[in-house]
Each structure stands twice: as C-alpha cells, then as structure tokens.
N, C-alpha and C. Protein backbone atom coordinates (compact mmCIF):
# COMPACT_ATOMS: atom_id res chain seq x y z
N MET A 1 -48.22 -6.55 36.28
CA MET A 1 -47.64 -7.88 36.58
C MET A 1 -48.20 -8.34 37.93
N SER A 2 -48.55 -9.53 37.90
CA SER A 2 -49.19 -10.06 39.14
C SER A 2 -48.33 -10.31 40.27
N PHE A 3 -48.75 -10.21 41.38
CA PHE A 3 -47.93 -10.45 42.69
C PHE A 3 -47.27 -11.87 42.61
N ILE A 4 -47.90 -12.87 42.20
CA ILE A 4 -47.32 -14.13 42.16
C ILE A 4 -46.26 -14.27 41.25
N PHE A 5 -46.26 -13.66 40.09
CA PHE A 5 -45.29 -13.63 39.08
C PHE A 5 -44.16 -12.95 39.65
N SER A 6 -44.36 -11.63 40.12
CA SER A 6 -43.25 -10.89 40.62
C SER A 6 -42.47 -11.78 41.81
N CYS A 7 -43.14 -12.49 42.57
CA CYS A 7 -42.38 -13.20 43.61
C CYS A 7 -41.66 -14.30 42.98
N LYS A 8 -42.04 -15.02 41.95
CA LYS A 8 -41.33 -15.95 41.43
C LYS A 8 -40.17 -15.57 40.48
N LYS A 9 -40.49 -14.36 39.88
CA LYS A 9 -39.30 -13.67 39.19
C LYS A 9 -38.22 -13.33 40.19
N LYS A 10 -38.44 -12.79 41.21
CA LYS A 10 -37.60 -12.43 42.18
C LYS A 10 -36.68 -13.67 42.79
N ASN A 11 -37.47 -14.83 43.06
CA ASN A 11 -36.88 -15.88 43.36
C ASN A 11 -35.67 -16.35 42.38
N ILE A 12 -36.02 -16.26 41.04
CA ILE A 12 -35.20 -16.77 39.85
C ILE A 12 -34.09 -15.84 39.90
N THR A 13 -34.41 -14.50 39.80
CA THR A 13 -33.27 -13.39 39.63
C THR A 13 -32.34 -13.50 40.91
N ASP A 14 -32.89 -13.72 42.13
CA ASP A 14 -32.06 -13.82 43.12
C ASP A 14 -30.94 -15.15 43.19
N PHE A 15 -31.67 -16.14 42.57
CA PHE A 15 -30.90 -17.44 42.57
C PHE A 15 -29.72 -17.33 41.60
N ILE A 16 -29.64 -16.51 40.60
CA ILE A 16 -28.60 -16.45 39.46
C ILE A 16 -27.34 -15.87 40.11
N PRO A 17 -27.39 -14.79 40.99
CA PRO A 17 -25.97 -14.47 41.43
C PRO A 17 -25.56 -15.59 42.44
N TYR A 18 -26.44 -16.24 43.23
CA TYR A 18 -26.13 -17.18 44.20
C TYR A 18 -25.39 -18.40 43.44
N LEU A 19 -25.99 -18.73 42.35
CA LEU A 19 -25.49 -19.89 41.55
C LEU A 19 -24.06 -19.32 40.98
N LYS A 20 -23.82 -18.28 40.51
CA LYS A 20 -22.53 -17.82 39.95
C LYS A 20 -21.54 -17.80 41.24
N GLU A 21 -21.93 -17.36 42.18
CA GLU A 21 -21.05 -17.24 43.65
C GLU A 21 -20.62 -18.62 44.02
N CYS A 22 -21.61 -19.69 43.81
CA CYS A 22 -21.23 -21.08 44.38
C CYS A 22 -20.13 -21.60 43.32
N VAL A 23 -20.35 -21.33 42.01
CA VAL A 23 -19.50 -21.86 41.14
C VAL A 23 -17.94 -21.19 41.33
N LYS A 24 -17.89 -19.84 41.55
CA LYS A 24 -16.72 -18.98 41.84
C LYS A 24 -16.01 -19.76 43.07
N LEU A 25 -16.68 -19.80 44.10
CA LEU A 25 -16.14 -20.35 45.49
C LEU A 25 -15.55 -21.71 45.10
N ALA A 26 -16.03 -22.61 44.49
CA ALA A 26 -15.61 -23.96 44.23
C ALA A 26 -14.34 -23.79 43.39
N LYS A 27 -14.33 -22.93 42.45
CA LYS A 27 -13.03 -22.89 41.67
C LYS A 27 -11.94 -22.18 42.34
N ARG A 28 -12.30 -21.18 43.25
CA ARG A 28 -11.24 -20.52 44.02
C ARG A 28 -10.61 -21.43 45.10
N ASN A 29 -11.42 -22.27 45.69
CA ASN A 29 -10.88 -23.21 46.64
C ASN A 29 -10.28 -24.54 45.93
N GLY A 30 -10.10 -24.54 44.66
CA GLY A 30 -9.46 -25.65 44.01
C GLY A 30 -10.32 -26.81 43.99
N LYS A 31 -11.52 -26.81 44.43
CA LYS A 31 -12.44 -27.89 44.36
C LYS A 31 -13.05 -27.98 42.97
N LYS A 32 -13.50 -29.31 42.67
CA LYS A 32 -14.41 -29.42 41.51
C LYS A 32 -15.70 -28.96 41.73
N ALA A 33 -16.17 -28.08 40.69
CA ALA A 33 -17.49 -27.39 40.78
C ALA A 33 -18.53 -28.53 40.91
N PHE A 34 -19.52 -28.30 41.54
CA PHE A 34 -20.71 -29.31 41.74
C PHE A 34 -21.40 -29.45 40.38
N ILE A 35 -21.30 -28.55 39.42
CA ILE A 35 -21.76 -28.75 38.04
C ILE A 35 -20.75 -28.35 37.11
N SER A 36 -20.84 -28.64 35.92
CA SER A 36 -19.69 -28.57 34.87
C SER A 36 -19.96 -27.15 34.36
N GLU A 37 -19.04 -26.62 33.82
CA GLU A 37 -19.15 -25.20 33.16
C GLU A 37 -20.32 -25.18 32.18
N SER A 38 -20.36 -26.30 31.26
CA SER A 38 -21.43 -26.23 30.30
C SER A 38 -22.84 -26.23 30.91
N THR A 39 -22.87 -27.01 32.15
CA THR A 39 -24.20 -27.13 32.74
C THR A 39 -24.59 -25.75 33.39
N ASP A 40 -23.51 -25.23 33.93
CA ASP A 40 -23.76 -23.73 34.69
C ASP A 40 -24.22 -22.81 33.55
N LEU A 41 -23.49 -22.87 32.36
CA LEU A 41 -23.90 -21.76 31.39
C LEU A 41 -25.37 -22.05 30.86
N GLY A 42 -25.60 -23.30 30.67
CA GLY A 42 -27.00 -23.61 30.27
C GLY A 42 -28.03 -23.42 31.25
N LEU A 43 -27.84 -23.60 32.53
CA LEU A 43 -28.62 -23.23 33.50
C LEU A 43 -28.90 -21.78 33.56
N LEU A 44 -27.92 -20.91 33.60
CA LEU A 44 -28.03 -19.51 33.59
C LEU A 44 -28.69 -19.09 32.44
N VAL A 45 -28.47 -19.63 31.11
CA VAL A 45 -29.20 -19.05 29.95
C VAL A 45 -30.64 -19.44 30.12
N SER A 46 -30.98 -20.71 30.64
CA SER A 46 -32.42 -21.04 30.85
C SER A 46 -33.20 -20.13 31.84
N LEU A 47 -32.34 -19.84 32.87
CA LEU A 47 -33.21 -18.93 33.89
C LEU A 47 -33.41 -17.63 33.31
N LYS A 48 -32.46 -17.05 32.76
CA LYS A 48 -32.63 -15.62 32.16
C LYS A 48 -33.67 -15.64 31.26
N SER A 49 -33.53 -16.81 30.18
CA SER A 49 -34.50 -16.69 29.10
C SER A 49 -35.95 -16.91 29.53
N THR A 50 -36.16 -17.64 30.66
CA THR A 50 -37.53 -18.05 31.43
C THR A 50 -38.00 -16.69 31.94
N VAL A 51 -37.11 -15.89 32.60
CA VAL A 51 -37.66 -14.62 33.26
C VAL A 51 -37.98 -13.55 32.17
N GLU A 52 -37.02 -13.56 31.03
CA GLU A 52 -37.37 -12.60 30.06
C GLU A 52 -38.63 -12.90 29.19
N LEU A 53 -38.66 -14.12 28.75
CA LEU A 53 -40.02 -14.55 27.96
C LEU A 53 -41.10 -14.52 28.84
N SER A 54 -41.06 -14.90 30.08
CA SER A 54 -42.34 -14.80 30.87
C SER A 54 -42.84 -13.26 31.10
N THR A 55 -41.85 -12.49 31.38
CA THR A 55 -41.99 -10.90 31.51
C THR A 55 -42.71 -10.45 30.20
N TYR A 56 -42.02 -10.66 29.02
CA TYR A 56 -42.52 -10.32 27.78
C TYR A 56 -44.20 -10.68 27.61
N LEU A 57 -44.20 -12.00 27.76
CA LEU A 57 -45.58 -12.60 27.62
C LEU A 57 -46.79 -11.97 28.61
N ILE A 58 -46.34 -11.70 29.82
CA ILE A 58 -47.33 -11.27 30.92
C ILE A 58 -47.42 -9.76 30.71
N ASP A 59 -46.39 -9.04 30.66
CA ASP A 59 -46.55 -7.51 30.52
C ASP A 59 -46.77 -7.01 29.18
N ASP A 60 -46.13 -7.56 28.10
CA ASP A 60 -46.37 -6.84 26.83
C ASP A 60 -47.54 -7.44 25.97
N ILE A 61 -47.63 -8.81 26.13
CA ILE A 61 -48.71 -9.51 25.32
C ILE A 61 -49.97 -9.54 26.13
N GLY A 62 -49.92 -9.51 27.43
CA GLY A 62 -51.03 -9.53 28.13
C GLY A 62 -51.62 -10.97 28.59
N PHE A 63 -50.69 -11.90 28.73
CA PHE A 63 -51.03 -13.31 29.23
C PHE A 63 -51.49 -13.19 30.63
N ASP A 64 -52.45 -14.04 31.19
CA ASP A 64 -52.77 -14.07 32.48
C ASP A 64 -51.65 -14.90 33.30
N TYR A 65 -51.23 -15.87 32.69
CA TYR A 65 -50.23 -16.69 33.19
C TYR A 65 -49.47 -17.48 32.23
N VAL A 66 -48.36 -17.91 32.71
CA VAL A 66 -47.40 -18.60 31.73
C VAL A 66 -47.04 -19.98 32.28
N MET A 67 -47.14 -21.00 31.57
CA MET A 67 -46.79 -22.36 32.03
C MET A 67 -45.35 -22.70 31.69
N THR A 68 -44.43 -22.33 32.46
CA THR A 68 -42.98 -22.39 32.24
C THR A 68 -42.64 -23.98 32.13
N ALA A 69 -43.32 -24.73 32.52
CA ALA A 69 -43.02 -26.26 32.40
C ALA A 69 -42.91 -26.65 30.91
N ARG A 70 -43.66 -25.92 30.13
CA ARG A 70 -43.74 -25.98 28.70
C ARG A 70 -42.45 -25.65 28.05
N PHE A 71 -41.79 -24.62 28.67
CA PHE A 71 -40.49 -24.19 28.11
C PHE A 71 -39.38 -25.24 28.09
N ASN A 72 -39.43 -26.18 27.10
CA ASN A 72 -38.38 -27.10 27.28
C ASN A 72 -38.24 -27.66 25.64
N GLN A 73 -37.21 -28.47 25.57
CA GLN A 73 -36.80 -29.14 24.23
C GLN A 73 -36.90 -30.52 24.27
N ASP A 74 -37.75 -31.04 25.23
CA ASP A 74 -37.87 -32.51 25.35
C ASP A 74 -38.52 -33.10 23.97
N THR A 75 -39.42 -32.53 23.30
CA THR A 75 -39.86 -33.07 22.06
C THR A 75 -38.74 -33.31 21.11
N ILE A 76 -38.00 -32.14 21.02
CA ILE A 76 -36.73 -32.32 20.09
C ILE A 76 -35.69 -33.50 20.52
N GLU A 77 -35.39 -33.33 21.78
CA GLU A 77 -34.56 -34.42 22.29
C GLU A 77 -35.00 -35.77 22.10
N GLN A 78 -36.40 -35.89 22.19
CA GLN A 78 -36.97 -37.30 22.22
C GLN A 78 -36.96 -37.72 20.72
N PHE A 79 -37.21 -36.82 19.85
CA PHE A 79 -37.17 -37.11 18.27
C PHE A 79 -35.71 -37.59 17.98
N PHE A 80 -34.67 -36.85 18.30
CA PHE A 80 -33.22 -37.35 18.03
C PHE A 80 -32.97 -38.67 18.79
N ALA A 81 -33.49 -38.85 20.00
CA ALA A 81 -33.25 -40.03 20.76
C ALA A 81 -33.89 -41.24 20.06
N ASN A 82 -34.96 -41.18 19.40
CA ASN A 82 -35.84 -42.13 18.75
C ASN A 82 -34.99 -42.43 17.39
N ILE A 83 -34.42 -41.39 16.91
CA ILE A 83 -33.52 -41.70 15.61
C ILE A 83 -32.26 -42.52 16.03
N ARG A 84 -31.69 -41.98 17.11
CA ARG A 84 -30.50 -42.77 17.56
C ARG A 84 -30.81 -44.29 17.97
N SER A 85 -31.97 -44.46 18.70
CA SER A 85 -32.27 -45.71 19.14
C SER A 85 -32.70 -46.69 17.86
N ALA A 86 -33.21 -46.06 16.89
CA ALA A 86 -33.52 -46.96 15.72
C ALA A 86 -32.43 -47.22 14.95
N MET A 87 -31.27 -46.68 15.29
CA MET A 87 -30.04 -47.03 14.46
C MET A 87 -29.20 -48.22 15.12
N GLY A 88 -29.83 -48.80 16.11
CA GLY A 88 -29.24 -49.97 16.76
C GLY A 88 -27.90 -49.39 17.53
N PRO A 89 -26.84 -50.15 17.44
CA PRO A 89 -25.60 -49.97 18.00
C PRO A 89 -24.89 -48.73 17.59
N ASN A 90 -25.34 -48.29 16.18
CA ASN A 90 -24.63 -47.06 15.56
C ASN A 90 -25.49 -46.01 15.98
N ASN A 91 -25.06 -45.25 17.03
CA ASN A 91 -25.78 -44.05 17.46
C ASN A 91 -25.18 -42.80 16.86
N HIS A 92 -24.32 -42.84 15.82
CA HIS A 92 -23.87 -41.62 15.06
C HIS A 92 -24.35 -41.63 13.68
N PRO A 93 -25.49 -41.64 13.35
CA PRO A 93 -25.87 -41.69 11.98
C PRO A 93 -25.39 -40.84 11.08
N ASN A 94 -25.02 -41.14 9.68
CA ASN A 94 -24.73 -40.15 8.74
C ASN A 94 -25.90 -39.59 8.10
N ALA A 95 -25.95 -38.66 7.21
CA ALA A 95 -27.07 -38.00 6.78
C ALA A 95 -27.88 -38.98 5.89
N LYS A 96 -27.47 -39.89 5.04
CA LYS A 96 -28.16 -40.91 4.39
C LYS A 96 -28.96 -41.84 5.28
N SER A 97 -28.27 -42.32 6.32
CA SER A 97 -28.93 -43.19 7.27
C SER A 97 -30.07 -42.47 8.08
N TYR A 98 -29.69 -41.39 8.42
CA TYR A 98 -30.58 -40.51 9.13
C TYR A 98 -31.99 -40.14 8.38
N ALA A 99 -31.72 -39.98 7.08
CA ALA A 99 -32.87 -39.56 6.10
C ALA A 99 -33.70 -40.97 6.02
N GLN A 100 -33.20 -42.09 5.94
CA GLN A 100 -33.65 -43.36 5.75
C GLN A 100 -34.75 -43.66 7.04
N ILE A 101 -33.99 -43.36 8.18
CA ILE A 101 -34.78 -43.67 9.44
C ILE A 101 -35.78 -42.84 9.67
N HIS A 102 -35.57 -41.40 9.30
CA HIS A 102 -36.67 -40.43 9.34
C HIS A 102 -37.84 -40.77 8.59
N ARG A 103 -37.71 -41.28 7.22
CA ARG A 103 -38.72 -41.71 6.31
C ARG A 103 -39.34 -42.80 6.91
N LEU A 104 -38.83 -43.83 7.46
CA LEU A 104 -39.46 -45.05 8.16
C LEU A 104 -40.33 -44.57 9.20
N GLN A 105 -39.73 -43.62 10.10
CA GLN A 105 -40.62 -43.24 11.26
C GLN A 105 -41.70 -42.49 10.84
N SER A 106 -41.63 -41.71 9.76
CA SER A 106 -42.78 -40.93 9.37
C SER A 106 -43.97 -41.72 8.85
N ILE A 107 -43.48 -42.79 7.99
CA ILE A 107 -44.50 -43.82 7.59
C ILE A 107 -45.17 -44.64 8.70
N TYR A 108 -44.20 -44.97 9.67
CA TYR A 108 -44.86 -45.79 10.72
C TYR A 108 -45.82 -44.86 11.68
N SER A 109 -45.70 -43.49 11.81
CA SER A 109 -46.63 -42.66 12.40
C SER A 109 -47.91 -42.48 11.65
N LEU A 110 -47.93 -42.79 10.49
CA LEU A 110 -49.05 -42.70 9.57
C LEU A 110 -49.96 -44.09 9.62
N VAL A 111 -49.23 -45.10 9.71
CA VAL A 111 -49.64 -46.45 9.75
C VAL A 111 -50.29 -46.89 11.17
N GLN A 112 -49.46 -46.36 12.28
CA GLN A 112 -49.91 -46.94 13.62
C GLN A 112 -51.29 -46.13 13.90
N PRO A 113 -52.23 -46.89 14.18
CA PRO A 113 -53.66 -46.45 14.56
C PRO A 113 -53.56 -45.70 15.76
N PRO A 114 -54.58 -44.69 15.84
CA PRO A 114 -54.74 -44.11 17.09
C PRO A 114 -55.32 -44.97 18.26
N LYS A 115 -54.95 -44.65 19.39
CA LYS A 115 -55.26 -45.40 20.61
C LYS A 115 -56.86 -45.44 20.54
N GLY A 116 -57.43 -46.64 20.94
CA GLY A 116 -58.81 -46.87 20.96
C GLY A 116 -59.70 -46.87 19.72
N SER A 117 -58.93 -46.91 18.65
CA SER A 117 -59.61 -46.90 17.30
C SER A 117 -59.87 -48.39 17.01
N ASN A 118 -60.87 -48.56 16.10
CA ASN A 118 -61.11 -49.87 15.51
C ASN A 118 -60.60 -50.34 14.23
N VAL A 119 -59.72 -49.57 13.71
CA VAL A 119 -58.88 -49.88 12.59
C VAL A 119 -57.33 -50.27 12.87
N SER A 120 -57.10 -51.38 12.12
CA SER A 120 -55.72 -51.81 12.41
C SER A 120 -54.70 -51.21 11.61
N GLY A 121 -53.50 -51.34 11.98
CA GLY A 121 -52.34 -50.73 11.20
C GLY A 121 -52.23 -51.19 9.83
N VAL A 122 -52.68 -52.49 9.59
CA VAL A 122 -52.44 -53.08 8.20
C VAL A 122 -53.62 -52.14 7.34
N GLU A 123 -54.82 -52.02 7.90
CA GLU A 123 -55.71 -51.42 7.20
C GLU A 123 -55.41 -49.95 6.91
N ASN A 124 -54.80 -49.25 7.73
CA ASN A 124 -54.30 -47.94 7.55
C ASN A 124 -53.25 -47.85 6.43
N LEU A 125 -52.35 -48.79 6.35
CA LEU A 125 -51.47 -48.78 5.26
C LEU A 125 -52.02 -49.16 4.07
N LYS A 126 -52.95 -50.22 3.90
CA LYS A 126 -53.69 -50.38 2.56
C LYS A 126 -54.35 -49.17 2.18
N SER A 127 -55.05 -48.42 3.06
CA SER A 127 -55.75 -47.14 2.69
C SER A 127 -54.73 -45.97 2.16
N LEU A 128 -53.52 -45.98 2.70
CA LEU A 128 -52.52 -45.12 2.22
C LEU A 128 -51.91 -45.29 0.93
N MET A 129 -51.74 -46.59 0.78
CA MET A 129 -50.96 -47.02 -0.39
C MET A 129 -51.15 -48.44 -0.79
N SER A 130 -51.21 -48.63 -2.14
CA SER A 130 -51.29 -50.31 -2.48
C SER A 130 -50.45 -50.17 -3.76
N VAL A 131 -49.71 -51.35 -4.00
CA VAL A 131 -49.09 -51.60 -4.97
C VAL A 131 -49.64 -51.40 -6.27
N ASP A 132 -50.86 -51.88 -6.49
CA ASP A 132 -51.56 -51.75 -7.82
C ASP A 132 -51.70 -50.25 -8.17
N ASP A 133 -52.01 -49.37 -7.03
CA ASP A 133 -52.05 -47.90 -7.36
C ASP A 133 -50.67 -47.38 -7.84
N LEU A 134 -49.68 -47.77 -7.31
CA LEU A 134 -48.35 -47.36 -7.69
C LEU A 134 -48.17 -47.68 -9.15
N ILE A 135 -48.44 -49.03 -9.51
CA ILE A 135 -48.07 -49.53 -10.91
C ILE A 135 -49.07 -48.89 -11.80
N ALA A 136 -50.21 -48.67 -11.41
CA ALA A 136 -51.16 -47.88 -12.32
C ALA A 136 -50.71 -46.45 -12.66
N GLN A 137 -50.28 -45.80 -11.70
CA GLN A 137 -49.86 -44.29 -11.73
C GLN A 137 -48.48 -44.33 -12.61
N ALA A 138 -47.56 -45.24 -12.32
CA ALA A 138 -46.29 -45.29 -13.26
C ALA A 138 -46.65 -45.53 -14.69
N GLU A 139 -47.47 -46.56 -14.81
CA GLU A 139 -48.02 -46.79 -16.26
C GLU A 139 -48.58 -45.71 -16.90
N LYS A 140 -49.52 -44.85 -16.10
CA LYS A 140 -50.05 -43.73 -16.66
C LYS A 140 -48.91 -42.53 -16.99
N ASP A 141 -48.02 -42.54 -16.36
CA ASP A 141 -46.95 -41.44 -16.32
C ASP A 141 -46.10 -41.95 -17.70
N ARG A 142 -45.76 -43.15 -17.71
CA ARG A 142 -45.11 -43.63 -18.84
C ARG A 142 -45.78 -43.34 -20.17
N LYS A 143 -47.11 -43.64 -20.12
CA LYS A 143 -47.86 -43.58 -21.34
C LYS A 143 -47.97 -42.13 -21.83
N ALA A 144 -48.02 -41.12 -20.77
CA ALA A 144 -48.10 -39.75 -21.10
C ALA A 144 -46.75 -39.24 -21.55
N SER A 145 -45.63 -39.73 -21.11
CA SER A 145 -44.36 -39.36 -21.65
C SER A 145 -44.28 -39.80 -23.13
N ILE A 146 -44.64 -41.10 -23.36
CA ILE A 146 -44.50 -41.50 -24.73
C ILE A 146 -45.46 -40.85 -25.74
N ASN A 147 -46.66 -40.48 -25.31
CA ASN A 147 -47.51 -39.70 -26.13
C ASN A 147 -46.99 -38.27 -26.36
N GLU A 148 -46.31 -37.82 -25.46
CA GLU A 148 -45.75 -36.30 -25.65
C GLU A 148 -44.57 -36.48 -26.65
N VAL A 149 -43.65 -37.41 -26.53
CA VAL A 149 -42.71 -37.70 -27.61
C VAL A 149 -43.15 -37.80 -28.87
N LEU A 150 -44.24 -38.63 -29.04
CA LEU A 150 -44.92 -39.08 -30.32
C LEU A 150 -45.45 -37.84 -30.89
N GLY A 151 -46.05 -36.98 -30.07
CA GLY A 151 -46.67 -35.75 -30.53
C GLY A 151 -45.58 -34.80 -31.14
N GLU A 152 -44.59 -34.71 -30.40
CA GLU A 152 -43.50 -33.81 -31.06
C GLU A 152 -42.99 -34.46 -32.40
N ILE A 153 -42.79 -35.56 -32.40
CA ILE A 153 -42.28 -36.35 -33.78
C ILE A 153 -43.26 -36.05 -34.85
N VAL A 154 -44.56 -36.20 -34.50
CA VAL A 154 -45.55 -35.90 -35.62
C VAL A 154 -45.55 -34.26 -36.02
N GLU A 155 -45.44 -33.59 -34.89
CA GLU A 155 -45.50 -32.07 -35.29
C GLU A 155 -44.33 -31.71 -36.16
N MET A 156 -43.15 -32.40 -35.79
CA MET A 156 -41.94 -31.94 -36.55
C MET A 156 -41.88 -32.63 -37.97
N GLY A 157 -42.62 -33.54 -38.11
CA GLY A 157 -42.67 -34.20 -39.44
C GLY A 157 -41.24 -34.86 -39.78
N ASN A 158 -40.39 -35.14 -38.71
CA ASN A 158 -38.94 -35.59 -39.00
C ASN A 158 -38.78 -37.02 -38.28
N PHE A 159 -39.04 -37.99 -38.95
CA PHE A 159 -38.97 -39.32 -38.29
C PHE A 159 -37.54 -39.91 -38.28
N LEU A 160 -36.53 -39.23 -38.86
CA LEU A 160 -35.29 -39.71 -39.03
C LEU A 160 -34.23 -39.51 -37.74
N ASN A 161 -34.55 -38.38 -37.15
CA ASN A 161 -33.63 -38.12 -36.00
C ASN A 161 -34.32 -38.37 -34.76
N CYS A 162 -35.31 -39.33 -34.61
CA CYS A 162 -35.89 -39.77 -33.33
C CYS A 162 -35.17 -40.85 -32.67
N HIS A 163 -35.03 -40.59 -31.35
CA HIS A 163 -34.50 -41.69 -30.56
C HIS A 163 -35.43 -42.08 -29.51
N SER A 164 -35.03 -43.09 -28.80
CA SER A 164 -36.05 -43.79 -27.85
C SER A 164 -36.72 -42.95 -26.87
N ASN A 165 -35.96 -41.96 -26.11
CA ASN A 165 -36.81 -41.15 -25.30
C ASN A 165 -37.02 -39.66 -25.64
N TYR A 166 -36.47 -39.29 -26.79
CA TYR A 166 -36.56 -37.94 -27.14
C TYR A 166 -36.62 -37.63 -28.63
N CYS A 167 -36.66 -36.53 -29.11
CA CYS A 167 -36.46 -36.15 -30.51
C CYS A 167 -35.52 -34.96 -30.72
N GLU A 168 -34.71 -34.89 -31.59
CA GLU A 168 -33.94 -33.79 -31.82
C GLU A 168 -34.64 -32.92 -33.08
N ARG A 169 -34.60 -31.74 -32.87
CA ARG A 169 -35.27 -31.05 -34.02
C ARG A 169 -34.08 -30.82 -35.14
N SER A 170 -34.56 -31.28 -36.32
CA SER A 170 -33.72 -31.20 -37.38
C SER A 170 -33.53 -29.99 -38.18
N SER A 171 -32.36 -29.74 -38.56
CA SER A 171 -32.04 -28.43 -39.10
C SER A 171 -32.64 -28.40 -40.53
N LEU A 172 -33.35 -29.25 -41.05
CA LEU A 172 -34.06 -29.30 -42.36
C LEU A 172 -35.53 -28.76 -42.24
N SER A 173 -36.08 -28.84 -40.95
CA SER A 173 -37.45 -28.43 -40.74
C SER A 173 -37.46 -26.96 -40.66
C-alpha cells in the first residue's frame, strides 16, 4: 500500500466517527441535524465502500492508483434525468411511456452525427433505415409464409381443409 493512499485512507476512516458524532450531538441537543438521515447513511456507505474498494484494488489486484472520482452514479442518474425531462410535465412515467422514450432516445443516439463529422443526421438515418427496405423485407417475409403454407397443402394433398393462413391435417390422409 502506498504512503499517499494510506494517508488518504486514514483521513476517510477518521472522518466516519466524526460524522457519526456530529449527527448524534445534533439529535441529543434537540436540534435539526445538518444533514438528513438518508443523506447521512448514504455518505457513510459511500465512504466505507470507497475505502474498501480502493484497498481491494490497490492491495489485492495490484493497481498503482485508483481514480475515486470515477466512483459515481452520475451516468445512471443522467440517463433517468433525460427520460424524465423527455416526458415533459409528466415526470413519473409508467412502463409503456418509459419504453417509448427509451426507444426514441436510442434511435436519436444512432442518428445524431458525431461531433466534427461531415455527415448529417438525415444521412445517418437514411443509411440506417429506409421505408423501401422495410416494405421489401415485409413483402419477402409474406411471400415466404405463403410459400410455406402452399408447400404444406401440396404435401398433404388435401385442398378441402385449407384456410387463409394455415392448413389443418385431415384425418383422411
């Protein structure tokens, strides 16, 4: 363990009892604590997990240094903030509206051109999907389905029990 890390670890571990004592004193004197109980608990969990994870990475795994600033949930929080902001005044989306917004944002990230590129968003969208391609694929799938049903009809040799989308096997065959 490096000297710098052991000093920083000591600072964090020394701060934890100090924080607990401050909260206790505020409660004992009948004053409102300077932080809420949930914030206090979250801070304690964050401090302890930072020390434990850093110790594990440096001592057990052999990292030379750990960038603790990267230990955060900002990207997750930003993701859900984007979902909520896309909902407009409704910041409590249900599962269906969440799925719709998530799909729209996923497509937007594919269409949005990278910074400094010479391709426009419209060109990206056209390269990803065109209506003609979708129609052609749907037609190809429909024809394959029809050919499969017709093949079953011909194989069974029973044209009387055939329906529009499927064939029933006759008990006579």
